[in-house]
N, C-alpha and C. Protein backbone atom coordinates (compact mmCIF):
# COMPACT_ATOMS: atom_id res chain seq x y z
N MET A 1 -76.81 -27.11 -86.10
CA MET A 1 -76.33 -27.77 -84.64
C MET A 1 -76.49 -29.22 -84.86
N ASP A 2 -75.79 -29.97 -84.38
CA ASP A 2 -76.23 -31.45 -84.03
C ASP A 2 -77.37 -31.55 -83.08
N PRO A 3 -78.42 -32.53 -83.72
CA PRO A 3 -79.55 -32.35 -82.78
C PRO A 3 -79.47 -32.89 -81.39
N LYS A 4 -78.37 -33.56 -81.15
CA LYS A 4 -78.00 -34.13 -79.90
C LYS A 4 -77.70 -32.83 -78.94
N LEU A 5 -77.16 -31.80 -79.38
CA LEU A 5 -76.94 -30.72 -78.83
C LEU A 5 -78.13 -29.57 -78.58
N GLN A 6 -79.20 -29.82 -79.32
CA GLN A 6 -80.28 -28.80 -79.07
C GLN A 6 -80.63 -28.96 -77.51
N PRO A 7 -80.84 -30.04 -76.71
CA PRO A 7 -81.18 -30.07 -75.32
C PRO A 7 -80.28 -29.15 -74.44
N VAL A 8 -78.79 -29.22 -74.91
CA VAL A 8 -77.85 -28.50 -74.20
C VAL A 8 -78.28 -27.12 -74.24
N TYR A 9 -78.35 -26.66 -75.55
CA TYR A 9 -78.58 -25.22 -75.84
C TYR A 9 -79.94 -24.87 -75.13
N GLN A 10 -80.97 -25.68 -74.83
CA GLN A 10 -82.14 -25.24 -74.32
C GLN A 10 -82.12 -25.18 -73.01
N ALA A 11 -81.42 -26.05 -72.35
CA ALA A 11 -81.13 -26.03 -70.90
C ALA A 11 -80.33 -24.90 -70.43
N ILE A 12 -79.42 -24.20 -71.25
CA ILE A 12 -78.92 -23.26 -71.00
C ILE A 12 -79.78 -21.86 -70.89
N LEU A 13 -80.73 -21.95 -72.04
CA LEU A 13 -81.37 -20.68 -72.27
C LEU A 13 -82.57 -20.73 -71.00
N ASP A 14 -82.88 -21.93 -70.71
CA ASP A 14 -83.95 -22.27 -69.63
C ASP A 14 -83.28 -22.01 -68.28
N GLY A 15 -81.67 -21.86 -68.29
CA GLY A 15 -81.36 -21.70 -66.84
C GLY A 15 -81.28 -22.90 -66.01
N ASP A 16 -81.42 -24.12 -66.65
CA ASP A 16 -81.60 -25.39 -65.88
C ASP A 16 -80.25 -26.10 -65.65
N GLN A 17 -79.55 -25.97 -64.56
CA GLN A 17 -78.37 -26.29 -64.19
C GLN A 17 -78.22 -28.04 -64.22
N LYS A 18 -79.31 -28.53 -63.71
CA LYS A 18 -79.33 -30.07 -63.74
C LYS A 18 -79.56 -30.53 -65.19
N ALA A 19 -80.45 -29.93 -65.98
CA ALA A 19 -80.51 -30.41 -67.13
C ALA A 19 -79.22 -30.30 -68.17
N SER A 20 -78.69 -29.11 -67.88
CA SER A 20 -77.42 -28.81 -68.60
C SER A 20 -76.49 -29.90 -68.33
N HIS A 21 -76.13 -30.11 -67.17
CA HIS A 21 -75.10 -31.28 -66.81
C HIS A 21 -75.44 -32.58 -67.32
N GLN A 22 -76.78 -32.98 -67.33
CA GLN A 22 -77.45 -34.19 -67.83
C GLN A 22 -77.13 -34.14 -69.37
N HIS A 23 -77.48 -33.09 -70.06
CA HIS A 23 -77.56 -33.20 -71.49
C HIS A 23 -75.98 -33.12 -72.10
N VAL A 24 -75.06 -32.68 -71.33
CA VAL A 24 -73.89 -32.38 -71.79
C VAL A 24 -73.14 -33.74 -71.72
N GLN A 25 -73.45 -34.60 -70.46
CA GLN A 25 -72.96 -35.66 -70.28
C GLN A 25 -73.50 -36.84 -71.32
N SER A 26 -75.02 -36.68 -71.85
CA SER A 26 -75.49 -37.51 -72.71
C SER A 26 -74.60 -37.40 -74.02
N ALA A 27 -74.48 -36.03 -74.35
CA ALA A 27 -73.74 -35.64 -75.57
C ALA A 27 -72.38 -36.48 -75.66
N LEU A 28 -71.76 -36.30 -74.58
CA LEU A 28 -70.44 -37.01 -74.43
C LEU A 28 -70.63 -38.48 -74.71
N ASP A 29 -71.58 -39.13 -73.96
CA ASP A 29 -71.77 -40.53 -74.23
C ASP A 29 -72.17 -40.97 -75.62
N ALA A 30 -72.81 -39.94 -76.23
CA ALA A 30 -73.39 -40.22 -77.55
C ALA A 30 -72.00 -40.06 -78.65
N GLY A 31 -70.85 -39.69 -77.93
CA GLY A 31 -69.74 -39.70 -79.07
C GLY A 31 -69.35 -38.25 -79.56
N LEU A 32 -69.80 -37.29 -79.14
CA LEU A 32 -69.54 -35.75 -79.47
C LEU A 32 -68.33 -35.52 -78.61
N SER A 33 -67.34 -34.86 -79.20
CA SER A 33 -66.03 -34.44 -78.50
C SER A 33 -66.44 -32.98 -77.64
N ALA A 34 -65.75 -32.96 -76.49
CA ALA A 34 -65.89 -31.86 -75.65
C ALA A 34 -65.70 -30.48 -76.57
N GLU A 35 -64.98 -30.36 -77.46
CA GLU A 35 -64.89 -29.26 -78.13
C GLU A 35 -66.11 -28.96 -79.00
N GLU A 36 -66.72 -29.88 -79.66
CA GLU A 36 -67.96 -29.97 -80.42
C GLU A 36 -69.03 -29.20 -79.42
N ILE A 37 -69.09 -30.02 -78.32
CA ILE A 37 -70.08 -29.39 -77.38
C ILE A 37 -69.96 -28.12 -76.90
N LEU A 38 -68.73 -27.70 -76.61
CA LEU A 38 -68.60 -26.15 -76.28
C LEU A 38 -68.90 -25.12 -77.39
N THR A 39 -68.27 -25.56 -78.70
CA THR A 39 -68.38 -24.53 -79.72
C THR A 39 -69.67 -24.64 -80.48
N GLN A 40 -70.27 -25.62 -80.29
CA GLN A 40 -71.51 -25.70 -81.08
C GLN A 40 -72.99 -25.76 -79.99
N GLY A 41 -72.80 -26.07 -78.79
CA GLY A 41 -73.58 -25.97 -77.85
C GLY A 41 -73.65 -24.88 -76.93
N LEU A 42 -72.68 -24.97 -76.08
CA LEU A 42 -72.55 -23.92 -74.96
C LEU A 42 -72.20 -22.53 -75.53
N ILE A 43 -71.47 -22.31 -76.45
CA ILE A 43 -71.01 -20.95 -76.79
C ILE A 43 -72.06 -20.27 -77.45
N PRO A 44 -72.74 -20.95 -78.45
CA PRO A 44 -74.03 -20.33 -79.14
C PRO A 44 -75.24 -20.16 -78.29
N ALA A 45 -75.27 -20.87 -77.08
CA ALA A 45 -76.44 -20.66 -76.29
C ALA A 45 -76.03 -19.38 -75.45
N MET A 46 -74.92 -19.27 -75.02
CA MET A 46 -74.69 -17.94 -74.27
C MET A 46 -74.47 -16.85 -75.23
N ALA A 47 -74.15 -16.90 -76.41
CA ALA A 47 -74.41 -16.04 -77.32
C ALA A 47 -75.92 -15.50 -77.49
N GLU A 48 -76.73 -16.36 -77.45
CA GLU A 48 -78.19 -15.95 -77.66
C GLU A 48 -78.68 -15.45 -76.29
N VAL A 49 -78.16 -16.18 -75.04
CA VAL A 49 -78.64 -15.44 -73.89
C VAL A 49 -78.21 -13.62 -73.91
N GLY A 50 -77.14 -13.56 -74.53
CA GLY A 50 -76.53 -12.00 -74.82
C GLY A 50 -77.60 -11.18 -75.57
N ASN A 51 -78.04 -11.87 -76.65
CA ASN A 51 -78.92 -11.29 -77.43
C ASN A 51 -80.07 -10.94 -76.87
N LEU A 52 -80.66 -11.97 -76.11
CA LEU A 52 -81.92 -11.82 -75.40
C LEU A 52 -81.94 -10.65 -74.45
N PHE A 53 -80.58 -10.58 -73.87
CA PHE A 53 -80.60 -9.49 -72.90
C PHE A 53 -80.43 -8.14 -73.61
N GLU A 54 -79.78 -8.03 -74.64
CA GLU A 54 -79.74 -6.84 -75.18
C GLU A 54 -80.88 -6.29 -75.89
N CYS A 55 -81.84 -7.28 -76.11
CA CYS A 55 -83.01 -6.76 -76.82
C CYS A 55 -84.32 -6.82 -75.68
N GLY A 56 -83.80 -6.89 -74.41
CA GLY A 56 -84.86 -6.67 -73.61
C GLY A 56 -85.72 -7.87 -72.99
N GLU A 57 -85.49 -9.10 -73.56
CA GLU A 57 -86.22 -10.20 -73.25
C GLU A 57 -85.69 -10.76 -71.95
N TYR A 58 -84.34 -10.72 -71.79
CA TYR A 58 -83.75 -11.14 -70.47
C TYR A 58 -83.19 -10.16 -69.81
N PHE A 59 -83.21 -10.42 -68.40
CA PHE A 59 -82.70 -9.37 -67.53
C PHE A 59 -81.53 -9.96 -66.69
N VAL A 60 -81.03 -9.36 -65.87
CA VAL A 60 -79.62 -9.80 -65.13
C VAL A 60 -80.14 -11.03 -64.46
N PRO A 61 -81.32 -11.27 -63.78
CA PRO A 61 -81.38 -12.79 -62.92
C PRO A 61 -81.67 -13.76 -64.05
N GLU A 62 -82.03 -13.62 -65.22
CA GLU A 62 -82.23 -14.57 -66.26
C GLU A 62 -80.80 -14.91 -66.89
N MET A 63 -79.96 -13.84 -66.96
CA MET A 63 -78.73 -14.08 -67.55
C MET A 63 -77.82 -14.83 -66.46
N LEU A 64 -78.00 -14.48 -65.03
CA LEU A 64 -77.25 -15.16 -64.32
C LEU A 64 -77.59 -16.73 -64.06
N ILE A 65 -78.69 -17.10 -64.29
CA ILE A 65 -79.11 -18.55 -64.11
C ILE A 65 -78.61 -19.16 -65.32
N SER A 66 -78.79 -18.52 -66.55
CA SER A 66 -78.35 -19.22 -67.69
C SER A 66 -76.73 -19.48 -67.61
N ALA A 67 -76.04 -18.50 -67.06
CA ALA A 67 -74.63 -18.44 -66.94
C ALA A 67 -74.17 -19.66 -66.13
N ARG A 68 -74.93 -19.80 -64.92
CA ARG A 68 -74.74 -20.92 -64.11
C ARG A 68 -74.99 -22.31 -64.67
N ALA A 69 -76.20 -22.32 -65.57
CA ALA A 69 -76.36 -23.53 -66.21
C ALA A 69 -75.21 -23.97 -67.15
N MET A 70 -74.86 -22.95 -67.80
CA MET A 70 -73.60 -23.00 -68.83
C MET A 70 -72.38 -23.68 -67.87
N GLN A 71 -72.13 -23.06 -66.68
CA GLN A 71 -71.04 -23.44 -66.00
C GLN A 71 -71.37 -25.05 -65.56
N ALA A 72 -72.45 -25.37 -65.14
CA ALA A 72 -72.94 -26.83 -64.74
C ALA A 72 -72.39 -27.75 -65.91
N GLY A 73 -72.46 -27.33 -67.31
CA GLY A 73 -72.26 -28.30 -68.17
C GLY A 73 -70.75 -28.02 -68.44
N LEU A 74 -70.15 -26.82 -68.52
CA LEU A 74 -68.86 -26.57 -68.62
C LEU A 74 -67.91 -27.56 -67.75
N SER A 75 -68.30 -27.80 -66.54
CA SER A 75 -67.69 -28.40 -65.44
C SER A 75 -67.33 -29.83 -65.84
N LEU A 76 -68.13 -30.22 -66.86
CA LEU A 76 -67.84 -31.82 -67.15
C LEU A 76 -66.66 -31.73 -68.46
N LEU A 77 -66.60 -30.58 -69.07
CA LEU A 77 -66.00 -30.37 -70.59
C LEU A 77 -64.56 -29.85 -70.27
N LYS A 78 -64.33 -29.08 -68.94
CA LYS A 78 -63.09 -28.61 -68.72
C LYS A 78 -61.85 -29.56 -68.74
N PRO A 79 -62.09 -30.66 -68.00
CA PRO A 79 -60.82 -31.49 -67.84
C PRO A 79 -60.42 -32.17 -69.22
N LEU A 80 -61.55 -32.35 -69.98
CA LEU A 80 -61.60 -32.95 -71.41
C LEU A 80 -60.83 -31.93 -72.34
N LEU A 81 -61.15 -30.59 -72.28
CA LEU A 81 -60.73 -29.64 -73.01
C LEU A 81 -59.21 -29.49 -72.76
N VAL A 82 -59.09 -29.54 -71.62
CA VAL A 82 -57.45 -29.17 -71.29
C VAL A 82 -56.52 -30.66 -71.83
N ALA A 83 -57.25 -31.72 -71.38
CA ALA A 83 -56.46 -32.95 -72.06
C ALA A 83 -56.28 -33.20 -73.44
N SER A 84 -57.08 -32.47 -74.19
CA SER A 84 -57.18 -32.51 -75.67
C SER A 84 -56.45 -31.12 -76.27
N ASN A 85 -55.98 -30.39 -75.36
CA ASN A 85 -55.34 -29.09 -75.88
C ASN A 85 -56.23 -28.19 -76.57
N VAL A 86 -57.35 -28.21 -76.46
CA VAL A 86 -58.33 -27.23 -77.17
C VAL A 86 -57.78 -25.78 -76.92
N ALA A 87 -57.82 -24.99 -77.94
CA ALA A 87 -57.28 -23.67 -77.63
C ALA A 87 -58.30 -22.69 -77.20
N SER A 88 -58.14 -21.79 -76.01
CA SER A 88 -59.33 -21.16 -75.78
C SER A 88 -59.11 -19.76 -76.47
N MET A 89 -60.25 -18.83 -76.40
CA MET A 89 -60.26 -17.69 -76.98
C MET A 89 -59.11 -16.83 -76.41
N GLY A 90 -58.68 -16.99 -75.32
CA GLY A 90 -57.62 -16.34 -74.67
C GLY A 90 -57.72 -16.39 -73.21
N LYS A 91 -56.92 -15.77 -72.42
CA LYS A 91 -56.93 -15.79 -71.06
C LYS A 91 -57.22 -14.32 -70.43
N VAL A 92 -58.34 -14.46 -69.61
CA VAL A 92 -58.62 -13.14 -68.96
C VAL A 92 -58.54 -13.17 -67.50
N ILE A 93 -57.65 -12.14 -66.87
CA ILE A 93 -57.60 -11.83 -65.42
C ILE A 93 -58.83 -10.94 -65.10
N ILE A 94 -59.64 -11.16 -64.32
CA ILE A 94 -60.63 -10.27 -63.98
C ILE A 94 -60.52 -10.14 -62.26
N GLY A 95 -61.08 -8.91 -61.68
CA GLY A 95 -61.10 -8.54 -60.36
C GLY A 95 -61.75 -7.12 -60.21
N THR A 96 -62.38 -7.03 -58.96
CA THR A 96 -63.18 -5.84 -58.53
C THR A 96 -61.63 -5.09 -57.95
N VAL A 97 -61.68 -3.71 -58.24
CA VAL A 97 -60.61 -2.97 -57.64
C VAL A 97 -60.48 -2.67 -56.30
N GLN A 98 -59.26 -2.33 -55.74
CA GLN A 98 -58.96 -2.24 -54.43
C GLN A 98 -60.11 -1.26 -53.71
N GLY A 99 -60.41 -1.72 -52.44
CA GLY A 99 -61.59 -0.89 -51.79
C GLY A 99 -62.85 -1.38 -52.18
N ASP A 100 -63.01 -1.99 -52.95
CA ASP A 100 -64.53 -2.25 -53.61
C ASP A 100 -64.74 -3.95 -53.48
N LEU A 101 -65.73 -4.15 -52.58
CA LEU A 101 -66.27 -5.51 -52.36
C LEU A 101 -67.28 -6.04 -53.23
N HIS A 102 -67.71 -5.31 -54.19
CA HIS A 102 -68.91 -5.74 -55.12
C HIS A 102 -68.44 -6.76 -55.83
N ASP A 103 -69.27 -7.84 -56.09
CA ASP A 103 -68.74 -8.85 -57.09
C ASP A 103 -69.83 -9.37 -57.97
N ILE A 104 -71.15 -8.96 -57.92
CA ILE A 104 -72.05 -9.61 -58.69
C ILE A 104 -71.95 -9.43 -60.25
N GLY A 105 -71.62 -8.00 -60.41
CA GLY A 105 -71.41 -7.71 -61.95
C GLY A 105 -70.12 -8.39 -62.46
N LYS A 106 -68.97 -8.46 -61.64
CA LYS A 106 -67.94 -9.05 -61.93
C LYS A 106 -68.05 -10.60 -62.25
N ASN A 107 -68.62 -11.26 -61.39
CA ASN A 107 -69.07 -12.61 -61.45
C ASN A 107 -69.69 -12.91 -62.67
N LEU A 108 -70.74 -12.12 -63.05
CA LEU A 108 -71.62 -12.33 -64.36
C LEU A 108 -70.71 -12.08 -65.64
N VAL A 109 -69.87 -11.06 -65.59
CA VAL A 109 -68.89 -10.79 -66.67
C VAL A 109 -68.07 -12.08 -66.93
N ALA A 110 -67.66 -12.39 -65.64
CA ALA A 110 -66.63 -13.66 -65.83
C ALA A 110 -67.49 -14.86 -66.51
N MET A 111 -68.70 -15.11 -65.95
CA MET A 111 -69.31 -16.26 -66.57
C MET A 111 -69.70 -16.00 -67.90
N MET A 112 -69.93 -14.96 -68.43
CA MET A 112 -70.35 -14.63 -69.82
C MET A 112 -69.02 -14.83 -70.69
N MET A 113 -67.80 -14.37 -70.21
CA MET A 113 -66.79 -14.47 -71.03
C MET A 113 -66.21 -15.80 -71.07
N GLU A 114 -66.57 -16.61 -69.83
CA GLU A 114 -66.34 -18.19 -69.92
C GLU A 114 -67.13 -18.88 -70.87
N GLY A 115 -68.32 -18.21 -70.97
CA GLY A 115 -69.29 -19.00 -71.98
C GLY A 115 -68.96 -18.57 -73.45
N ALA A 116 -68.04 -17.48 -73.68
CA ALA A 116 -67.67 -17.19 -74.81
C ALA A 116 -66.51 -18.00 -75.33
N GLY A 117 -65.92 -18.65 -74.40
CA GLY A 117 -64.54 -19.49 -74.72
C GLY A 117 -63.42 -19.05 -74.18
N PHE A 118 -63.42 -18.14 -73.26
CA PHE A 118 -62.34 -17.44 -72.61
C PHE A 118 -61.84 -18.25 -71.39
N GLU A 119 -60.64 -18.56 -70.92
CA GLU A 119 -60.03 -19.20 -69.75
C GLU A 119 -59.92 -17.89 -68.89
N ILE A 120 -60.75 -18.16 -67.64
CA ILE A 120 -60.84 -17.15 -66.69
C ILE A 120 -59.89 -17.16 -65.33
N VAL A 121 -59.30 -16.18 -65.02
CA VAL A 121 -58.63 -16.09 -63.79
C VAL A 121 -59.18 -15.09 -62.81
N ASP A 122 -60.12 -15.54 -61.93
CA ASP A 122 -60.96 -14.70 -61.13
C ASP A 122 -60.05 -14.18 -59.81
N LEU A 123 -59.74 -12.94 -59.53
CA LEU A 123 -58.88 -12.41 -58.42
C LEU A 123 -59.84 -12.10 -57.37
N GLY A 124 -61.27 -12.12 -57.59
CA GLY A 124 -62.08 -11.77 -56.43
C GLY A 124 -62.38 -10.33 -56.41
N THR A 125 -62.41 -9.80 -55.31
CA THR A 125 -62.84 -8.33 -54.99
C THR A 125 -61.48 -7.83 -54.23
N ASP A 126 -61.54 -6.33 -54.02
CA ASP A 126 -60.58 -5.70 -53.37
C ASP A 126 -59.19 -5.81 -53.87
N VAL A 127 -59.02 -5.96 -55.01
CA VAL A 127 -57.85 -6.42 -55.67
C VAL A 127 -56.74 -5.14 -56.05
N SER A 128 -55.77 -5.09 -55.58
CA SER A 128 -54.93 -3.95 -55.43
C SER A 128 -54.06 -4.07 -56.90
N PRO A 129 -53.70 -2.91 -57.34
CA PRO A 129 -52.83 -2.81 -58.47
C PRO A 129 -51.70 -3.85 -58.57
N ASP A 130 -50.96 -3.95 -57.48
CA ASP A 130 -49.82 -4.96 -57.33
C ASP A 130 -50.38 -6.25 -57.57
N LYS A 131 -51.66 -6.65 -57.09
CA LYS A 131 -52.07 -7.92 -57.27
C LYS A 131 -52.42 -8.36 -58.80
N PHE A 132 -53.01 -7.43 -59.67
CA PHE A 132 -53.21 -7.33 -60.85
C PHE A 132 -51.82 -7.45 -61.43
N VAL A 133 -50.83 -6.92 -61.24
CA VAL A 133 -49.51 -7.07 -62.00
C VAL A 133 -49.03 -8.39 -61.72
N GLU A 134 -49.06 -8.73 -60.45
CA GLU A 134 -48.52 -10.17 -60.03
C GLU A 134 -49.24 -11.30 -60.95
N ALA A 135 -50.60 -11.08 -60.87
CA ALA A 135 -51.45 -11.89 -61.54
C ALA A 135 -51.03 -11.99 -63.15
N ALA A 136 -50.74 -10.89 -63.65
CA ALA A 136 -50.55 -10.66 -65.07
C ALA A 136 -49.03 -11.48 -65.42
N ARG A 137 -48.32 -11.15 -64.57
CA ARG A 137 -46.82 -11.80 -64.76
C ARG A 137 -47.06 -13.31 -64.78
N LYS A 138 -47.80 -13.82 -63.74
CA LYS A 138 -47.98 -15.21 -63.45
C LYS A 138 -48.69 -15.99 -64.77
N HIS A 139 -49.70 -15.44 -65.01
CA HIS A 139 -50.74 -15.98 -66.02
C HIS A 139 -50.67 -15.64 -67.40
N THR A 140 -49.90 -14.49 -67.70
CA THR A 140 -49.66 -14.17 -69.12
C THR A 140 -51.09 -14.04 -69.82
N PRO A 141 -52.00 -13.17 -69.42
CA PRO A 141 -53.21 -13.14 -69.98
C PRO A 141 -53.07 -12.28 -71.36
N GLN A 142 -54.28 -12.36 -72.20
CA GLN A 142 -54.48 -11.41 -73.20
C GLN A 142 -55.19 -10.18 -72.77
N ILE A 143 -56.05 -10.41 -71.80
CA ILE A 143 -57.00 -9.18 -71.27
C ILE A 143 -56.85 -9.27 -69.69
N VAL A 144 -56.70 -7.96 -69.16
CA VAL A 144 -56.88 -7.74 -67.83
C VAL A 144 -58.40 -6.84 -67.65
N ALA A 145 -59.27 -7.45 -67.01
CA ALA A 145 -60.65 -6.81 -66.83
C ALA A 145 -60.72 -6.36 -65.29
N MET A 146 -61.17 -4.91 -65.11
CA MET A 146 -61.38 -4.60 -63.91
C MET A 146 -62.83 -4.14 -63.81
N SER A 147 -63.35 -3.98 -62.48
CA SER A 147 -64.52 -3.51 -62.23
C SER A 147 -64.52 -2.77 -60.95
N ALA A 148 -65.54 -1.72 -61.09
CA ALA A 148 -65.70 -0.82 -59.94
C ALA A 148 -67.11 -0.45 -59.79
N LEU A 149 -67.57 -0.53 -58.50
CA LEU A 149 -69.08 -0.13 -58.33
C LEU A 149 -69.11 1.37 -57.72
N LEU A 150 -68.05 1.66 -57.11
CA LEU A 150 -67.91 2.96 -56.17
C LEU A 150 -67.07 3.95 -57.00
N THR A 151 -67.39 5.16 -57.03
CA THR A 151 -66.68 6.08 -57.61
C THR A 151 -65.55 6.47 -56.92
N THR A 152 -65.46 6.16 -55.55
CA THR A 152 -64.30 6.42 -54.95
C THR A 152 -63.07 5.30 -55.16
N THR A 153 -63.39 4.26 -55.88
CA THR A 153 -62.58 3.36 -56.20
C THR A 153 -62.21 3.20 -57.51
N MET A 154 -62.70 4.21 -58.41
CA MET A 154 -62.39 4.15 -59.76
C MET A 154 -61.09 4.63 -60.06
N PRO A 155 -60.40 5.45 -59.28
CA PRO A 155 -58.95 5.98 -59.49
C PRO A 155 -57.96 4.66 -59.44
N LYS A 156 -58.50 3.60 -58.75
CA LYS A 156 -57.63 2.42 -58.79
C LYS A 156 -57.42 1.69 -60.07
N MET A 157 -58.50 2.01 -60.70
CA MET A 157 -58.12 1.44 -62.30
C MET A 157 -57.25 2.09 -63.15
N GLU A 158 -57.01 3.46 -63.04
CA GLU A 158 -56.00 4.10 -63.50
C GLU A 158 -54.71 3.70 -63.05
N MET A 159 -54.66 3.64 -61.56
CA MET A 159 -53.29 3.26 -60.99
C MET A 159 -52.91 1.91 -61.53
N THR A 160 -53.82 0.88 -61.69
CA THR A 160 -53.52 -0.39 -62.13
C THR A 160 -52.92 -0.59 -63.51
N ILE A 161 -53.63 0.42 -64.40
CA ILE A 161 -52.88 0.54 -65.84
C ILE A 161 -51.58 1.19 -65.74
N LYS A 162 -51.47 1.91 -64.93
CA LYS A 162 -50.01 2.62 -64.67
C LYS A 162 -49.04 1.38 -64.26
N ALA A 163 -49.61 0.80 -63.19
CA ALA A 163 -48.63 -0.13 -62.60
C ALA A 163 -48.33 -1.50 -63.58
N LEU A 164 -49.06 -1.61 -64.47
CA LEU A 164 -48.90 -2.58 -65.39
C LEU A 164 -47.82 -2.06 -66.31
N GLY A 165 -47.77 -0.91 -66.81
CA GLY A 165 -47.03 -0.02 -67.75
C GLY A 165 -45.51 0.01 -66.87
N GLU A 166 -45.53 0.27 -65.69
CA GLU A 166 -44.18 0.23 -65.13
C GLU A 166 -43.50 -1.11 -64.89
N ALA A 167 -44.52 -1.90 -65.08
CA ALA A 167 -43.81 -3.58 -64.85
C ALA A 167 -43.35 -3.96 -66.12
N GLY A 168 -43.71 -3.32 -67.39
CA GLY A 168 -43.46 -3.59 -68.58
C GLY A 168 -44.61 -4.50 -69.19
N LEU A 169 -45.70 -4.78 -68.60
CA LEU A 169 -46.44 -5.75 -69.00
C LEU A 169 -47.67 -5.12 -69.99
N ARG A 170 -47.83 -3.71 -69.76
CA ARG A 170 -48.98 -3.14 -70.63
C ARG A 170 -49.17 -3.43 -72.06
N LYS A 171 -48.08 -3.48 -72.56
CA LYS A 171 -47.80 -3.59 -74.17
C LYS A 171 -48.32 -4.98 -74.37
N ASN A 172 -48.34 -6.04 -73.71
CA ASN A 172 -48.76 -7.36 -73.72
C ASN A 172 -50.16 -7.66 -73.67
N VAL A 173 -50.77 -6.81 -72.73
CA VAL A 173 -52.23 -7.08 -72.62
C VAL A 173 -53.30 -5.86 -72.99
N LYS A 174 -54.58 -6.17 -73.33
CA LYS A 174 -55.71 -5.19 -73.27
C LYS A 174 -56.01 -5.10 -71.85
N VAL A 175 -56.59 -3.99 -71.75
CA VAL A 175 -57.16 -3.73 -70.44
C VAL A 175 -58.76 -3.35 -70.66
N MET A 176 -59.59 -3.77 -70.13
CA MET A 176 -61.08 -3.52 -70.21
C MET A 176 -61.43 -3.12 -68.86
N ILE A 177 -62.41 -2.34 -68.70
CA ILE A 177 -62.82 -1.64 -67.38
C ILE A 177 -64.64 -1.56 -67.62
N GLY A 178 -65.15 -1.85 -66.31
CA GLY A 178 -66.59 -1.55 -66.38
C GLY A 178 -67.10 -1.31 -64.83
N GLY A 179 -68.50 -1.27 -64.79
CA GLY A 179 -69.11 -0.96 -63.51
C GLY A 179 -70.13 0.35 -63.59
N ALA A 180 -70.89 0.37 -62.70
CA ALA A 180 -72.15 1.25 -62.72
C ALA A 180 -71.58 2.65 -62.98
N PRO A 181 -70.67 3.22 -62.35
CA PRO A 181 -70.22 4.50 -62.51
C PRO A 181 -69.04 4.87 -63.52
N VAL A 182 -68.83 3.77 -64.19
CA VAL A 182 -67.68 4.00 -65.34
C VAL A 182 -68.31 4.25 -66.57
N THR A 183 -67.62 5.19 -67.19
CA THR A 183 -68.10 5.60 -68.55
C THR A 183 -67.13 5.27 -69.63
N GLU A 184 -67.55 5.31 -70.90
CA GLU A 184 -66.52 5.14 -71.94
C GLU A 184 -65.39 6.23 -72.11
N ASP A 185 -66.03 7.55 -71.70
CA ASP A 185 -65.00 8.72 -71.57
C ASP A 185 -64.12 8.37 -70.49
N TYR A 186 -64.45 7.97 -69.50
CA TYR A 186 -63.45 7.76 -68.44
C TYR A 186 -62.50 6.54 -68.91
N ALA A 187 -63.02 5.53 -69.40
CA ALA A 187 -62.19 4.50 -69.93
C ALA A 187 -60.97 5.02 -70.76
N ARG A 188 -61.50 5.89 -71.75
CA ARG A 188 -60.67 6.42 -72.51
C ARG A 188 -59.51 7.30 -72.07
N SER A 189 -59.99 8.10 -70.98
CA SER A 189 -59.04 9.05 -70.30
C SER A 189 -58.07 8.49 -69.56
N ILE A 190 -58.14 7.17 -69.08
CA ILE A 190 -57.09 6.50 -68.29
C ILE A 190 -56.40 5.58 -69.04
N GLY A 191 -56.72 5.57 -70.37
CA GLY A 191 -55.82 4.63 -71.26
C GLY A 191 -56.23 3.19 -71.49
N ALA A 192 -57.61 2.94 -71.09
CA ALA A 192 -58.25 1.35 -71.11
C ALA A 192 -58.33 1.29 -72.74
N ASP A 193 -58.36 0.02 -72.90
CA ASP A 193 -58.65 -0.63 -74.30
C ASP A 193 -60.13 -0.86 -74.67
N GLY A 194 -60.84 -0.99 -73.77
CA GLY A 194 -61.98 -1.60 -73.95
C GLY A 194 -62.95 -1.21 -72.61
N TYR A 195 -64.33 -0.82 -72.96
CA TYR A 195 -65.28 -0.74 -71.95
C TYR A 195 -66.52 -1.22 -72.30
N ALA A 196 -67.34 -1.62 -71.19
CA ALA A 196 -68.64 -2.27 -71.53
C ALA A 196 -69.65 -1.94 -70.46
N THR A 197 -70.90 -1.61 -71.02
CA THR A 197 -71.74 -1.33 -70.02
C THR A 197 -72.52 -2.44 -69.16
N ASP A 198 -72.54 -3.65 -69.80
CA ASP A 198 -73.08 -4.90 -69.30
C ASP A 198 -72.23 -6.09 -69.58
N ALA A 199 -72.51 -7.35 -68.90
CA ALA A 199 -72.11 -8.54 -69.03
C ALA A 199 -71.79 -8.98 -70.54
N SER A 200 -72.98 -8.94 -71.03
CA SER A 200 -73.00 -9.44 -72.67
C SER A 200 -71.99 -8.75 -73.35
N ARG A 201 -72.11 -7.26 -73.39
CA ARG A 201 -71.25 -6.46 -74.19
C ARG A 201 -69.81 -6.63 -73.87
N ALA A 202 -69.57 -6.93 -72.42
CA ALA A 202 -68.20 -7.16 -72.23
C ALA A 202 -67.59 -8.46 -72.81
N ALA A 203 -68.58 -9.47 -72.89
CA ALA A 203 -67.99 -10.76 -73.64
C ALA A 203 -67.81 -10.30 -75.17
N SER A 204 -68.61 -9.62 -75.62
CA SER A 204 -68.52 -9.22 -77.10
C SER A 204 -67.18 -8.41 -77.39
N THR A 205 -66.82 -7.52 -76.50
CA THR A 205 -65.64 -6.49 -76.50
C THR A 205 -64.44 -7.34 -76.26
N ALA A 206 -64.54 -8.23 -75.29
CA ALA A 206 -63.28 -9.19 -75.14
C ALA A 206 -62.82 -9.81 -76.45
N LYS A 207 -63.88 -10.54 -77.16
CA LYS A 207 -63.65 -11.22 -78.32
C LYS A 207 -63.14 -10.24 -79.46
N PHE A 208 -63.48 -8.96 -79.54
CA PHE A 208 -62.97 -7.97 -80.44
C PHE A 208 -61.80 -7.63 -80.12
N LEU A 209 -61.39 -7.47 -78.94
CA LEU A 209 -59.98 -7.14 -78.42
C LEU A 209 -58.92 -8.18 -78.80
N VAL A 210 -59.33 -9.42 -78.88
CA VAL A 210 -58.33 -10.51 -79.18
C VAL A 210 -58.32 -10.79 -80.48
């Protein structure tokens, strides 16, 4: 890692939004490209945050503040990355299914995926199968990711997968699901391509699927 990126990396591990923004700006001022800062600073830092979470050193609150620090730095890089046509890992449409208003887990998954280099289209909560289909048509994503925190809303995941199939879009996208009541067996039973128990594994699974 370029020594100029070490402060960026550390600011994200520390969950320091202000420092992340400042150090990313300093790295840009020092002549590093947006792509270098993203691929050698932000993405490795978020990967380490995921590792710390998985080995029990970080918990959801630490993960959340690190993801917010990453986004503070990324806000400076996004326009530059777009201008220089830097390829993302892929595009992900994400939302909490219809009837469910929970969004903390979904937001964290979106931030971790963004930290892994994906372009995110966040549809929010209470997203109907039709809205997922409409967004998939419009944005041509590689992945459609759905979250449910209520057992009563889980059937909407299967309905969305069927709707994507009926619209002729299913063959072009991978579908990921997650949320507290969701299991790997359930994911398999409804024809989803991926399942993750937490945001860190969701980002890893997304990378595997593309």
